[in-house]
Amino acid sequence: MKTGDHGADGEALYGDDPDALARIFVGPYLAFEPESSLILEDRAGVCGYALGALDSRSFYERYDREWRPQLVARFPMPGGDPATWTRVQLVHSWYHRPSYDCPEPYEHYPSHIHIDLLARARGLGNGRRMMEAVIETLAARGSPGAHVGVSVRNGRALGFYGRLGFRELLRTGSRTDGTVYLGKRWC
């Protein structure tokens, strides 16, 4: 939740269901891809993670088969006008209508990575080290490259990925509420 508002603190937005985002963006990675999952802790506790999936399409197929049915059964699709939904309702709608965008050429960027760090863990090299470790793991498992999806509103993350050598591949959605897909090849 602390990074759930396009990289900023979203805690106030998810009070009705604090685990809404984690059910999509953390849980399945820990369950399906533990070898590509890193958790960062400091003296105050968990302060970040970097999670990867070796083959995005296979990951999403497994997610659809093994993970998503439980979410759909437990959390109904929100009704009414989507423009009036709370952030929790929006996330619950993603359980029912997931997005599995994978930029082309897929064979160059079959893996994907997801990272979040709390403010206290940023600017210390943690993100770079964690990304490098996940990339090393994915490369050792045979991946030639990975992609990431970033909110167009998250300028900090876009800059971070650019400094790591990720380059823009695709944009979806609008200029104010879309996603930028960036990719990096290492072989």
N, C-alpha and C. Protein backbone atom coordinates (compact mmCIF):
# COMPACT_ATOMS: atom_id res chain seq x y z
N MET A 1 0.81 -1.19 0.00
CA MET A 1 0.00 0.00 0.00
C MET A 1 0.86 1.26 0.00
N LYS A 2 2.03 1.18 0.59
CA LYS A 2 2.87 2.36 0.72
C LYS A 2 3.43 2.83 -0.63
N THR A 3 3.30 2.02 -1.67
CA THR A 3 3.70 2.42 -3.02
C THR A 3 2.52 2.27 -3.99
N GLY A 4 1.32 2.11 -3.46
CA GLY A 4 0.15 1.76 -4.25
C GLY A 4 -0.54 2.89 -4.97
N ASP A 5 -0.01 4.08 -4.91
CA ASP A 5 -0.59 5.21 -5.64
C ASP A 5 0.42 5.68 -6.68
N HIS A 6 0.62 4.85 -7.70
CA HIS A 6 1.57 5.15 -8.77
C HIS A 6 2.97 5.42 -8.20
N GLY A 7 3.37 4.61 -7.24
CA GLY A 7 4.68 4.73 -6.61
C GLY A 7 4.66 5.53 -5.32
N ALA A 8 3.63 6.29 -5.11
CA ALA A 8 3.50 7.08 -3.87
C ALA A 8 2.68 6.30 -2.85
N ASP A 9 2.62 6.82 -1.64
CA ASP A 9 1.89 6.17 -0.55
C ASP A 9 0.40 6.11 -0.87
N GLY A 10 -0.13 4.90 -0.98
CA GLY A 10 -1.54 4.71 -1.27
C GLY A 10 -2.32 4.15 -0.10
N GLU A 11 -1.73 4.18 1.08
CA GLU A 11 -2.37 3.57 2.24
C GLU A 11 -3.79 4.08 2.46
N ALA A 12 -4.01 5.37 2.31
CA ALA A 12 -5.34 5.93 2.53
C ALA A 12 -6.36 5.44 1.49
N LEU A 13 -5.88 4.99 0.35
CA LEU A 13 -6.77 4.54 -0.72
C LEU A 13 -7.26 3.11 -0.55
N TYR A 14 -6.57 2.33 0.29
CA TYR A 14 -6.86 0.90 0.38
C TYR A 14 -7.28 0.47 1.78
N GLY A 15 -7.79 1.38 2.58
CA GLY A 15 -8.21 1.06 3.93
C GLY A 15 -9.28 -0.02 4.00
N ASP A 16 -10.16 -0.08 3.00
CA ASP A 16 -11.23 -1.09 2.99
C ASP A 16 -10.71 -2.50 2.72
N ASP A 17 -9.55 -2.60 2.08
CA ASP A 17 -8.96 -3.90 1.75
C ASP A 17 -7.46 -3.74 1.58
N PRO A 18 -6.70 -3.73 2.67
CA PRO A 18 -5.27 -3.47 2.59
C PRO A 18 -4.48 -4.48 1.76
N ASP A 19 -5.01 -5.67 1.52
CA ASP A 19 -4.29 -6.68 0.76
C ASP A 19 -4.67 -6.73 -0.72
N ALA A 20 -5.52 -5.80 -1.16
CA ALA A 20 -6.03 -5.85 -2.53
C ALA A 20 -4.91 -5.93 -3.57
N LEU A 21 -3.95 -5.05 -3.49
CA LEU A 21 -2.86 -5.04 -4.46
C LEU A 21 -1.94 -6.26 -4.32
N ALA A 22 -1.65 -6.63 -3.09
CA ALA A 22 -0.72 -7.75 -2.86
C ALA A 22 -1.24 -9.06 -3.43
N ARG A 23 -2.54 -9.21 -3.51
CA ARG A 23 -3.11 -10.45 -4.08
C ARG A 23 -2.75 -10.62 -5.54
N ILE A 24 -2.48 -9.53 -6.23
CA ILE A 24 -2.08 -9.59 -7.64
C ILE A 24 -0.57 -9.47 -7.78
N PHE A 25 0.01 -8.48 -7.13
CA PHE A 25 1.37 -8.08 -7.43
C PHE A 25 2.45 -8.67 -6.53
N VAL A 26 2.06 -9.46 -5.53
CA VAL A 26 3.06 -10.10 -4.67
C VAL A 26 2.78 -11.60 -4.52
N GLY A 27 1.61 -11.94 -4.02
CA GLY A 27 1.29 -13.34 -3.70
C GLY A 27 1.60 -14.35 -4.78
N PRO A 28 1.14 -14.15 -6.02
CA PRO A 28 1.39 -15.17 -7.03
C PRO A 28 2.88 -15.35 -7.35
N TYR A 29 3.66 -14.30 -7.23
CA TYR A 29 5.10 -14.41 -7.51
C TYR A 29 5.78 -15.25 -6.44
N LEU A 30 5.42 -14.99 -5.18
CA LEU A 30 6.01 -15.78 -4.10
C LEU A 30 5.61 -17.25 -4.21
N ALA A 31 4.38 -17.50 -4.66
CA ALA A 31 3.90 -18.87 -4.79
C ALA A 31 4.46 -19.58 -6.01
N PHE A 32 4.51 -18.89 -7.16
CA PHE A 32 4.87 -19.55 -8.41
C PHE A 32 6.33 -19.38 -8.81
N GLU A 33 6.99 -18.33 -8.36
CA GLU A 33 8.35 -18.02 -8.80
C GLU A 33 9.25 -17.65 -7.61
N PRO A 34 9.29 -18.48 -6.57
CA PRO A 34 10.08 -18.10 -5.40
C PRO A 34 11.57 -17.91 -5.70
N GLU A 35 12.07 -18.62 -6.71
CA GLU A 35 13.50 -18.51 -7.04
C GLU A 35 13.84 -17.14 -7.63
N SER A 36 12.84 -16.41 -8.10
CA SER A 36 13.05 -15.07 -8.66
C SER A 36 12.43 -13.99 -7.79
N SER A 37 12.25 -14.29 -6.51
CA SER A 37 11.61 -13.35 -5.59
C SER A 37 12.57 -12.95 -4.48
N LEU A 38 12.75 -11.66 -4.31
CA LEU A 38 13.61 -11.13 -3.25
C LEU A 38 12.79 -10.22 -2.36
N ILE A 39 13.03 -10.31 -1.06
CA ILE A 39 12.38 -9.45 -0.08
C ILE A 39 13.47 -8.67 0.63
N LEU A 40 13.29 -7.36 0.77
CA LEU A 40 14.26 -6.51 1.44
C LEU A 40 13.76 -6.16 2.83
N GLU A 41 14.60 -6.36 3.81
CA GLU A 41 14.28 -5.99 5.19
C GLU A 41 15.37 -5.10 5.75
N ASP A 42 14.98 -4.19 6.61
CA ASP A 42 15.92 -3.42 7.40
C ASP A 42 15.54 -3.59 8.87
N ARG A 43 16.10 -2.80 9.73
CA ARG A 43 15.81 -2.95 11.16
C ARG A 43 14.35 -2.70 11.52
N ALA A 44 13.66 -1.94 10.69
CA ALA A 44 12.24 -1.64 10.95
C ALA A 44 11.30 -2.68 10.34
N GLY A 45 11.83 -3.59 9.53
CA GLY A 45 10.99 -4.63 8.93
C GLY A 45 11.10 -4.66 7.42
N VAL A 46 10.15 -5.31 6.80
CA VAL A 46 10.14 -5.43 5.34
C VAL A 46 9.99 -4.03 4.74
N CYS A 47 10.84 -3.73 3.75
CA CYS A 47 10.80 -2.40 3.14
C CYS A 47 10.88 -2.45 1.61
N GLY A 48 10.77 -3.65 1.06
CA GLY A 48 10.75 -3.73 -0.39
C GLY A 48 10.78 -5.15 -0.89
N TYR A 49 10.59 -5.26 -2.19
CA TYR A 49 10.67 -6.55 -2.86
C TYR A 49 11.01 -6.34 -4.32
N ALA A 50 11.57 -7.36 -4.93
CA ALA A 50 11.76 -7.44 -6.38
C ALA A 50 11.34 -8.85 -6.76
N LEU A 51 10.40 -8.92 -7.69
CA LEU A 51 9.80 -10.19 -8.06
C LEU A 51 9.89 -10.37 -9.56
N GLY A 52 10.20 -11.57 -9.99
CA GLY A 52 10.31 -11.82 -11.42
C GLY A 52 9.59 -13.09 -11.83
N ALA A 53 9.21 -13.12 -13.10
CA ALA A 53 8.61 -14.31 -13.70
C ALA A 53 9.43 -14.65 -14.94
N LEU A 54 9.88 -15.88 -15.04
CA LEU A 54 10.75 -16.30 -16.13
C LEU A 54 10.05 -16.18 -17.48
N ASP A 55 8.86 -16.74 -17.60
CA ASP A 55 8.10 -16.70 -18.84
C ASP A 55 6.73 -16.09 -18.54
N SER A 56 6.52 -14.87 -18.97
CA SER A 56 5.30 -14.14 -18.62
C SER A 56 4.04 -14.87 -19.05
N ARG A 57 4.02 -15.38 -20.26
CA ARG A 57 2.81 -16.05 -20.73
C ARG A 57 2.49 -17.28 -19.89
N SER A 58 3.50 -18.07 -19.56
CA SER A 58 3.27 -19.25 -18.71
C SER A 58 2.82 -18.83 -17.31
N PHE A 59 3.42 -17.76 -16.80
CA PHE A 59 3.04 -17.25 -15.49
C PHE A 59 1.57 -16.84 -15.49
N TYR A 60 1.15 -16.08 -16.51
CA TYR A 60 -0.24 -15.62 -16.58
C TYR A 60 -1.21 -16.78 -16.77
N GLU A 61 -0.82 -17.78 -17.52
CA GLU A 61 -1.68 -18.97 -17.67
C GLU A 61 -1.88 -19.66 -16.33
N ARG A 62 -0.80 -19.79 -15.57
CA ARG A 62 -0.90 -20.42 -14.25
C ARG A 62 -1.72 -19.55 -13.29
N TYR A 63 -1.49 -18.26 -13.35
CA TYR A 63 -2.26 -17.32 -12.53
C TYR A 63 -3.75 -17.48 -12.83
N ASP A 64 -4.12 -17.53 -14.10
CA ASP A 64 -5.52 -17.70 -14.50
C ASP A 64 -6.10 -19.02 -14.01
N ARG A 65 -5.31 -20.05 -14.04
CA ARG A 65 -5.78 -21.39 -13.69
C ARG A 65 -5.81 -21.63 -12.18
N GLU A 66 -4.79 -21.16 -11.46
CA GLU A 66 -4.63 -21.53 -10.06
C GLU A 66 -4.88 -20.41 -9.06
N TRP A 67 -4.72 -19.18 -9.43
CA TRP A 67 -4.77 -18.07 -8.48
C TRP A 67 -6.04 -17.24 -8.63
N ARG A 68 -6.34 -16.84 -9.84
CA ARG A 68 -7.44 -15.91 -10.09
C ARG A 68 -8.81 -16.47 -9.74
N PRO A 69 -9.11 -17.77 -9.93
CA PRO A 69 -10.45 -18.25 -9.58
C PRO A 69 -10.83 -18.00 -8.12
N GLN A 70 -9.86 -18.09 -7.22
CA GLN A 70 -10.16 -17.82 -5.81
C GLN A 70 -10.50 -16.35 -5.59
N LEU A 71 -9.80 -15.46 -6.30
CA LEU A 71 -10.08 -14.03 -6.16
C LEU A 71 -11.46 -13.68 -6.69
N VAL A 72 -11.78 -14.23 -7.85
CA VAL A 72 -13.07 -13.95 -8.47
C VAL A 72 -14.21 -14.46 -7.59
N ALA A 73 -14.01 -15.63 -6.98
CA ALA A 73 -15.07 -16.19 -6.12
C ALA A 73 -15.24 -15.38 -4.83
N ARG A 74 -14.16 -14.84 -4.33
CA ARG A 74 -14.20 -14.14 -3.05
C ARG A 74 -14.58 -12.66 -3.17
N PHE A 75 -14.21 -12.04 -4.29
CA PHE A 75 -14.42 -10.60 -4.46
C PHE A 75 -15.24 -10.36 -5.72
N PRO A 76 -16.52 -10.00 -5.57
CA PRO A 76 -17.37 -9.81 -6.74
C PRO A 76 -16.91 -8.64 -7.60
N MET A 77 -17.26 -8.71 -8.86
CA MET A 77 -16.99 -7.61 -9.78
C MET A 77 -17.80 -6.40 -9.31
N PRO A 78 -17.16 -5.24 -9.17
CA PRO A 78 -17.91 -4.05 -8.75
C PRO A 78 -18.97 -3.69 -9.78
N GLY A 79 -20.06 -3.15 -9.29
CA GLY A 79 -21.13 -2.70 -10.17
C GLY A 79 -21.13 -1.20 -10.30
N GLY A 80 -22.05 -0.72 -11.09
CA GLY A 80 -22.20 0.73 -11.25
C GLY A 80 -21.19 1.31 -12.22
N ASP A 81 -21.10 2.61 -12.18
CA ASP A 81 -20.24 3.36 -13.08
C ASP A 81 -18.78 3.26 -12.62
N PRO A 82 -17.88 2.72 -13.46
CA PRO A 82 -16.47 2.61 -13.07
C PRO A 82 -15.84 3.95 -12.69
N ALA A 83 -16.37 5.05 -13.20
CA ALA A 83 -15.83 6.36 -12.85
C ALA A 83 -16.05 6.70 -11.38
N THR A 84 -16.97 5.99 -10.72
CA THR A 84 -17.26 6.26 -9.31
C THR A 84 -16.63 5.23 -8.37
N TRP A 85 -15.93 4.25 -8.92
CA TRP A 85 -15.32 3.21 -8.08
C TRP A 85 -14.23 3.77 -7.20
N THR A 86 -14.11 3.17 -6.02
CA THR A 86 -12.97 3.45 -5.15
C THR A 86 -11.76 2.73 -5.74
N ARG A 87 -10.59 3.02 -5.22
CA ARG A 87 -9.38 2.34 -5.69
C ARG A 87 -9.46 0.84 -5.40
N VAL A 88 -10.04 0.45 -4.27
CA VAL A 88 -10.22 -0.96 -3.95
C VAL A 88 -11.13 -1.63 -4.97
N GLN A 89 -12.22 -0.98 -5.33
CA GLN A 89 -13.12 -1.55 -6.33
C GLN A 89 -12.42 -1.69 -7.68
N LEU A 90 -11.59 -0.74 -8.02
CA LEU A 90 -10.84 -0.83 -9.27
C LEU A 90 -9.94 -2.06 -9.26
N VAL A 91 -9.21 -2.26 -8.17
CA VAL A 91 -8.34 -3.43 -8.07
C VAL A 91 -9.16 -4.71 -8.11
N HIS A 92 -10.26 -4.76 -7.42
CA HIS A 92 -11.13 -5.94 -7.47
C HIS A 92 -11.59 -6.21 -8.91
N SER A 93 -11.81 -5.16 -9.68
CA SER A 93 -12.20 -5.37 -11.09
C SER A 93 -11.06 -6.02 -11.87
N TRP A 94 -9.82 -5.73 -11.50
CA TRP A 94 -8.68 -6.37 -12.16
C TRP A 94 -8.65 -7.87 -11.92
N TYR A 95 -9.18 -8.32 -10.79
CA TYR A 95 -9.27 -9.75 -10.53
C TYR A 95 -10.13 -10.41 -11.61
N HIS A 96 -11.17 -9.71 -12.04
CA HIS A 96 -12.11 -10.25 -13.02
C HIS A 96 -11.67 -10.00 -14.46
N ARG A 97 -10.99 -8.90 -14.67
CA ARG A 97 -10.54 -8.51 -16.02
C ARG A 97 -9.06 -8.16 -15.99
N PRO A 98 -8.21 -9.17 -15.85
CA PRO A 98 -6.77 -8.89 -15.77
C PRO A 98 -6.21 -8.42 -17.10
N SER A 99 -5.12 -7.73 -17.03
CA SER A 99 -4.38 -7.29 -18.21
C SER A 99 -3.09 -8.10 -18.28
N TYR A 100 -2.88 -8.73 -19.40
CA TYR A 100 -1.68 -9.56 -19.58
C TYR A 100 -0.83 -9.04 -20.73
N ASP A 101 -0.67 -7.74 -20.80
CA ASP A 101 0.12 -7.16 -21.89
C ASP A 101 1.57 -7.61 -21.81
N CYS A 102 2.08 -8.07 -22.93
CA CYS A 102 3.48 -8.45 -23.06
C CYS A 102 4.00 -7.80 -24.33
N PRO A 103 4.97 -6.91 -24.20
CA PRO A 103 5.46 -6.21 -25.39
C PRO A 103 6.18 -7.14 -26.36
N GLU A 104 6.14 -6.77 -27.61
CA GLU A 104 6.82 -7.51 -28.67
C GLU A 104 8.16 -6.85 -28.98
N PRO A 105 9.11 -7.56 -29.52
CA PRO A 105 9.03 -9.00 -29.80
C PRO A 105 9.15 -9.80 -28.50
N TYR A 106 8.16 -10.63 -28.26
CA TYR A 106 8.07 -11.37 -27.00
C TYR A 106 9.33 -12.19 -26.73
N GLU A 107 9.87 -12.82 -27.75
CA GLU A 107 11.04 -13.69 -27.55
C GLU A 107 12.26 -12.92 -27.03
N HIS A 108 12.27 -11.60 -27.19
CA HIS A 108 13.37 -10.78 -26.65
C HIS A 108 13.15 -10.41 -25.19
N TYR A 109 11.87 -10.34 -24.77
CA TYR A 109 11.52 -9.87 -23.42
C TYR A 109 10.48 -10.79 -22.77
N PRO A 110 10.75 -12.09 -22.68
CA PRO A 110 9.72 -13.01 -22.18
C PRO A 110 9.50 -12.92 -20.66
N SER A 111 10.48 -12.47 -19.95
CA SER A 111 10.37 -12.38 -18.49
C SER A 111 9.79 -11.02 -18.12
N HIS A 112 9.26 -10.93 -16.90
CA HIS A 112 8.89 -9.61 -16.39
C HIS A 112 9.30 -9.51 -14.92
N ILE A 113 9.49 -8.27 -14.51
CA ILE A 113 9.99 -7.97 -13.17
C ILE A 113 9.09 -6.90 -12.56
N HIS A 114 8.92 -7.00 -11.27
CA HIS A 114 8.11 -6.03 -10.52
C HIS A 114 8.90 -5.70 -9.25
N ILE A 115 9.10 -4.42 -8.97
CA ILE A 115 9.85 -4.01 -7.78
C ILE A 115 9.11 -2.86 -7.10
N ASP A 116 9.14 -2.87 -5.79
CA ASP A 116 8.63 -1.76 -4.98
C ASP A 116 9.51 -1.61 -3.75
N LEU A 117 9.86 -0.38 -3.45
CA LEU A 117 10.63 -0.08 -2.24
C LEU A 117 9.93 1.04 -1.48
N LEU A 118 9.90 0.91 -0.17
CA LEU A 118 9.40 2.00 0.66
C LEU A 118 10.38 3.16 0.60
N ALA A 119 9.91 4.35 0.89
CA ALA A 119 10.73 5.56 0.80
C ALA A 119 12.03 5.43 1.58
N ARG A 120 11.97 4.79 2.74
CA ARG A 120 13.18 4.70 3.57
C ARG A 120 14.26 3.81 2.95
N ALA A 121 13.90 3.00 1.97
CA ALA A 121 14.87 2.09 1.33
C ALA A 121 15.37 2.62 0.00
N ARG A 122 14.83 3.74 -0.46
CA ARG A 122 15.21 4.30 -1.76
C ARG A 122 16.46 5.16 -1.66
N GLY A 123 17.16 5.25 -2.77
CA GLY A 123 18.33 6.11 -2.84
C GLY A 123 19.57 5.55 -2.18
N LEU A 124 19.52 4.28 -1.82
CA LEU A 124 20.64 3.64 -1.13
C LEU A 124 21.29 2.54 -1.97
N GLY A 125 20.83 2.38 -3.20
CA GLY A 125 21.34 1.33 -4.07
C GLY A 125 20.62 0.00 -3.94
N ASN A 126 19.63 -0.05 -3.05
CA ASN A 126 18.89 -1.31 -2.85
C ASN A 126 18.16 -1.75 -4.11
N GLY A 127 17.47 -0.82 -4.76
CA GLY A 127 16.71 -1.15 -5.96
C GLY A 127 17.60 -1.70 -7.06
N ARG A 128 18.71 -1.04 -7.29
CA ARG A 128 19.65 -1.49 -8.33
C ARG A 128 20.18 -2.89 -8.00
N ARG A 129 20.59 -3.09 -6.77
CA ARG A 129 21.12 -4.42 -6.39
C ARG A 129 20.07 -5.51 -6.52
N MET A 130 18.85 -5.19 -6.10
CA MET A 130 17.78 -6.20 -6.20
C MET A 130 17.44 -6.50 -7.66
N MET A 131 17.35 -5.47 -8.48
CA MET A 131 17.07 -5.69 -9.90
C MET A 131 18.20 -6.50 -10.55
N GLU A 132 19.43 -6.16 -10.24
CA GLU A 132 20.55 -6.91 -10.80
C GLU A 132 20.50 -8.37 -10.37
N ALA A 133 20.14 -8.63 -9.13
CA ALA A 133 20.05 -10.01 -8.65
C ALA A 133 18.93 -10.78 -9.34
N VAL A 134 17.77 -10.15 -9.52
CA VAL A 134 16.66 -10.83 -10.22
C VAL A 134 17.04 -11.06 -11.68
N ILE A 135 17.65 -10.08 -12.33
CA ILE A 135 18.09 -10.25 -13.71
C ILE A 135 19.09 -11.39 -13.82
N GLU A 136 20.04 -11.44 -12.90
CA GLU A 136 21.03 -12.53 -12.90
C GLU A 136 20.35 -13.89 -12.77
N THR A 137 19.36 -13.97 -11.89
CA THR A 137 18.61 -15.22 -11.72
C THR A 137 17.85 -15.59 -12.98
N LEU A 138 17.17 -14.62 -13.58
CA LEU A 138 16.41 -14.90 -14.81
C LEU A 138 17.35 -15.30 -15.95
N ALA A 139 18.48 -14.63 -16.06
CA ALA A 139 19.45 -14.97 -17.10
C ALA A 139 19.99 -16.38 -16.90
N ALA A 140 20.30 -16.74 -15.65
CA ALA A 140 20.81 -18.09 -15.36
C ALA A 140 19.77 -19.16 -15.66
N ARG A 141 18.50 -18.78 -15.62
CA ARG A 141 17.41 -19.72 -15.93
C ARG A 141 17.09 -19.74 -17.43
N GLY A 142 17.82 -18.95 -18.22
CA GLY A 142 17.68 -19.00 -19.67
C GLY A 142 16.97 -17.85 -20.33
N SER A 143 16.59 -16.83 -19.59
CA SER A 143 15.88 -15.70 -20.19
C SER A 143 16.86 -14.76 -20.90
N PRO A 144 16.47 -14.28 -22.10
CA PRO A 144 17.32 -13.32 -22.80
C PRO A 144 17.01 -11.86 -22.46
N GLY A 145 15.88 -11.61 -21.75
CA GLY A 145 15.51 -10.25 -21.44
C GLY A 145 14.19 -10.19 -20.69
N ALA A 146 13.89 -8.99 -20.19
CA ALA A 146 12.68 -8.81 -19.39
C ALA A 146 12.02 -7.48 -19.71
N HIS A 147 10.76 -7.40 -19.36
CA HIS A 147 10.03 -6.14 -19.47
C HIS A 147 9.43 -5.78 -18.12
N VAL A 148 9.12 -4.51 -17.96
CA VAL A 148 8.44 -4.00 -16.79
C VAL A 148 7.30 -3.10 -17.27
N GLY A 149 6.25 -3.02 -16.50
CA GLY A 149 5.15 -2.10 -16.78
C GLY A 149 5.12 -1.04 -15.71
N VAL A 150 5.07 0.22 -16.11
CA VAL A 150 5.15 1.34 -15.17
C VAL A 150 4.04 2.35 -15.50
N SER A 151 3.37 2.82 -14.47
CA SER A 151 2.38 3.87 -14.64
C SER A 151 3.04 5.10 -15.27
N VAL A 152 2.36 5.74 -16.21
CA VAL A 152 2.89 6.96 -16.82
C VAL A 152 3.07 8.06 -15.78
N ARG A 153 2.37 7.93 -14.66
CA ARG A 153 2.47 8.94 -13.59
C ARG A 153 3.65 8.71 -12.65
N ASN A 154 4.35 7.60 -12.81
CA ASN A 154 5.44 7.27 -11.90
C ASN A 154 6.79 7.64 -12.52
N GLY A 155 7.04 8.93 -12.58
CA GLY A 155 8.28 9.43 -13.18
C GLY A 155 9.53 8.91 -12.50
N ARG A 156 9.47 8.74 -11.19
CA ARG A 156 10.63 8.24 -10.46
C ARG A 156 11.01 6.84 -10.94
N ALA A 157 10.01 5.97 -11.10
CA ALA A 157 10.28 4.60 -11.56
C ALA A 157 10.76 4.60 -13.01
N LEU A 158 10.17 5.44 -13.85
CA LEU A 158 10.62 5.51 -15.24
C LEU A 158 12.09 5.90 -15.33
N GLY A 159 12.50 6.87 -14.51
CA GLY A 159 13.90 7.26 -14.46
C GLY A 159 14.80 6.15 -13.95
N PHE A 160 14.34 5.46 -12.92
CA PHE A 160 15.10 4.34 -12.34
C PHE A 160 15.37 3.27 -13.38
N TYR A 161 14.31 2.84 -14.08
CA TYR A 161 14.49 1.80 -15.09
C TYR A 161 15.38 2.27 -16.23
N GLY A 162 15.25 3.53 -16.61
CA GLY A 162 16.11 4.08 -17.66
C GLY A 162 17.58 4.01 -17.26
N ARG A 163 17.88 4.32 -16.02
CA ARG A 163 19.27 4.25 -15.54
C ARG A 163 19.79 2.81 -15.51
N LEU A 164 18.87 1.83 -15.43
CA LEU A 164 19.27 0.42 -15.45
C LEU A 164 19.38 -0.14 -16.87
N GLY A 165 19.11 0.70 -17.87
CA GLY A 165 19.24 0.26 -19.26
C GLY A 165 17.96 -0.23 -19.90
N PHE A 166 16.81 -0.06 -19.25
CA PHE A 166 15.53 -0.41 -19.85
C PHE A 166 15.13 0.69 -20.82
N ARG A 167 14.55 0.29 -21.95
CA ARG A 167 14.13 1.23 -22.98
C ARG A 167 12.65 1.04 -23.29
N GLU A 168 11.96 2.12 -23.63
CA GLU A 168 10.53 2.05 -23.90
C GLU A 168 10.23 1.16 -25.10
N LEU A 169 9.22 0.29 -24.91
CA LEU A 169 8.78 -0.62 -25.96
C LEU A 169 7.35 -0.32 -26.41
N LEU A 170 6.49 0.09 -25.48
CA LEU A 170 5.07 0.20 -25.77
C LEU A 170 4.40 1.08 -24.72
N ARG A 171 3.37 1.82 -25.15
CA ARG A 171 2.51 2.58 -24.23
C ARG A 171 1.08 2.15 -24.46
N THR A 172 0.35 1.97 -23.37
CA THR A 172 -1.07 1.65 -23.45
C THR A 172 -1.84 2.64 -22.59
N GLY A 173 -3.13 2.74 -22.84
CA GLY A 173 -3.96 3.66 -22.05
C GLY A 173 -3.76 5.09 -22.49
N SER A 174 -4.12 6.00 -21.62
CA SER A 174 -4.05 7.43 -21.94
C SER A 174 -2.72 8.04 -21.48
N ARG A 175 -2.51 9.28 -21.86
CA ARG A 175 -1.28 10.00 -21.46
C ARG A 175 -1.24 10.26 -19.97
N THR A 176 -2.42 10.29 -19.33
CA THR A 176 -2.45 10.60 -17.90
C THR A 176 -2.73 9.38 -17.03
N ASP A 177 -3.20 8.29 -17.63
CA ASP A 177 -3.53 7.12 -16.83
C ASP A 177 -3.18 5.83 -17.58
N GLY A 178 -2.04 5.82 -18.22
CA GLY A 178 -1.62 4.67 -19.00
C GLY A 178 -0.45 3.94 -18.38
N THR A 179 0.06 3.01 -19.16
CA THR A 179 1.21 2.21 -18.74
C THR A 179 2.29 2.28 -19.80
N VAL A 180 3.51 2.42 -19.35
CA VAL A 180 4.68 2.37 -20.23
C VAL A 180 5.35 1.03 -19.99
N TYR A 181 5.57 0.27 -21.06
CA TYR A 181 6.30 -0.99 -20.98
C TYR A 181 7.72 -0.74 -21.45
N LEU A 182 8.66 -1.10 -20.60
CA LEU A 182 10.08 -0.94 -20.89
C LEU A 182 10.72 -2.32 -20.95
N GLY A 183 11.75 -2.46 -21.75
CA GLY A 183 12.41 -3.75 -21.85
C GLY A 183 13.92 -3.62 -21.81
N LYS A 184 14.53 -4.73 -21.42
CA LYS A 184 15.99 -4.80 -21.39
C LYS A 184 16.40 -6.20 -21.82
N ARG A 185 17.33 -6.26 -22.75
CA ARG A 185 17.91 -7.55 -23.17
C ARG A 185 19.31 -7.66 -22.57
N TRP A 186 19.69 -8.87 -22.19
CA TRP A 186 21.03 -9.07 -21.66
C TRP A 186 21.78 -10.14 -22.44
N CYS A 187 21.14 -10.76 -23.40
CA CYS A 187 21.87 -11.67 -24.28
C CYS A 187 21.21 -11.74 -25.62
